[in-house]
């Protein structure tokens, strides 16, 4: 379980995309790592299948925001605010 809430991750994704504009997931990860107070436990944590917890939570936040209509993918590998 992440130390930061899923709602917090959603805010971080929106903040990153507001600043960066349409971006790759890597650019969003990098921006959040540099500009948000991500708990060290999330950055170094692994899921049960060995995946980085931080990146998984960012992707989950993007997915949730996509379902809400806030974020879209104008093309494969690019995230954007609606």
Protein backbone atom coordinates (compact mmCIF):
# COMPACT_ATOMS: atom_id res chain seq x y z
CA UNK A 1 0.00 0.00 0.00
CA UNK A 2 1.41 3.44 -0.91
CA UNK A 3 2.26 6.02 1.74
CA UNK A 4 0.69 8.82 -0.34
CA UNK A 5 -3.04 8.54 -1.07
CA UNK A 6 -4.40 7.81 -4.51
CA UNK A 7 -6.12 11.21 -4.48
CA UNK A 8 -2.71 12.79 -3.90
CA UNK A 9 -1.28 10.91 -6.87
CA UNK A 10 -4.14 12.20 -9.01
CA UNK A 11 -3.34 15.77 -7.98
CA UNK A 12 0.34 15.23 -8.78
CA UNK A 13 -0.47 13.90 -12.26
CA UNK A 14 -2.71 16.90 -12.98
CA UNK A 15 -0.03 19.29 -11.67
CA UNK A 16 2.61 17.64 -13.87
CA UNK A 17 0.47 17.76 -17.00
CA UNK A 18 -0.59 21.34 -16.29
CA UNK A 19 3.07 22.35 -16.17
CA UNK A 20 4.44 20.09 -18.91
CA UNK A 21 1.56 19.87 -21.35
CA UNK A 22 1.15 16.60 -23.28
CA UNK A 23 3.91 14.31 -22.01
CA UNK A 24 5.25 10.80 -21.90
CA UNK A 25 4.80 8.78 -18.73
CA UNK A 26 8.56 9.05 -18.06
CA UNK A 27 8.41 12.85 -18.18
CA UNK A 28 5.47 12.81 -15.75
CA UNK A 29 7.31 10.43 -13.37
CA UNK A 30 10.42 12.62 -13.49
CA UNK A 31 8.48 15.85 -12.90
CA UNK A 32 6.60 14.41 -9.92
CA UNK A 33 9.81 13.00 -8.39
CA UNK A 34 11.46 16.42 -8.69
CA UNK A 35 8.56 18.69 -7.71
CA UNK A 36 6.31 16.82 -5.28
CA UNK A 37 6.94 15.46 -1.76
CA UNK A 38 6.77 11.78 -2.75
CA UNK A 39 7.40 9.55 0.28
CA UNK A 40 10.64 7.59 0.10
CA UNK A 41 8.68 4.41 0.81
CA UNK A 42 6.74 4.91 -2.43
CA UNK A 43 9.87 5.67 -4.47
CA UNK A 44 11.73 2.60 -3.28
CA UNK A 45 8.76 0.30 -2.70
CA UNK A 46 7.91 -2.67 -4.88
CA UNK A 47 4.60 -4.34 -5.55
CA UNK A 48 4.15 -8.09 -5.02
CA UNK A 49 5.11 -8.66 -8.66
CA UNK A 50 8.31 -6.59 -8.38
CA UNK A 51 7.02 -3.42 -10.04
CA UNK A 52 8.04 0.02 -8.74
CA UNK A 53 5.23 1.22 -6.43
CA UNK A 54 5.58 4.91 -7.35
CA UNK A 55 5.29 4.32 -11.11
CA UNK A 56 2.36 1.95 -10.63
CA UNK A 57 0.51 4.53 -8.53
CA UNK A 58 1.15 7.27 -11.10
CA UNK A 59 -0.21 5.02 -13.87
CA UNK A 60 -3.23 4.12 -11.73
CA UNK A 61 -3.88 7.83 -11.10
CA UNK A 62 -3.72 8.51 -14.85
CA UNK A 63 -6.16 5.65 -15.48
CA UNK A 64 -8.57 6.98 -12.84
CA UNK A 65 -8.32 10.51 -14.27
CA UNK A 66 -8.97 9.09 -17.75
CA UNK A 67 -12.16 7.43 -16.53
CA UNK A 68 -13.25 10.78 -15.03
CA UNK A 69 -12.56 12.54 -18.35
CA UNK A 70 -9.74 14.72 -16.99
CA UNK A 71 -6.83 13.05 -18.81
CA UNK A 72 -6.69 11.59 -22.29
CA UNK A 73 -4.12 9.96 -24.53
CA UNK A 74 -4.07 11.84 -27.84
CA UNK A 75 -1.66 9.21 -29.14
CA UNK A 76 0.00 6.09 -27.77
CA UNK A 77 2.54 6.88 -25.06
CA UNK A 78 1.37 10.46 -24.47
CA UNK A 79 -0.76 11.73 -21.60
CA UNK A 80 -2.61 15.03 -21.82
CA UNK A 81 -5.21 17.05 -19.92
CA UNK A 82 -8.55 17.32 -21.63
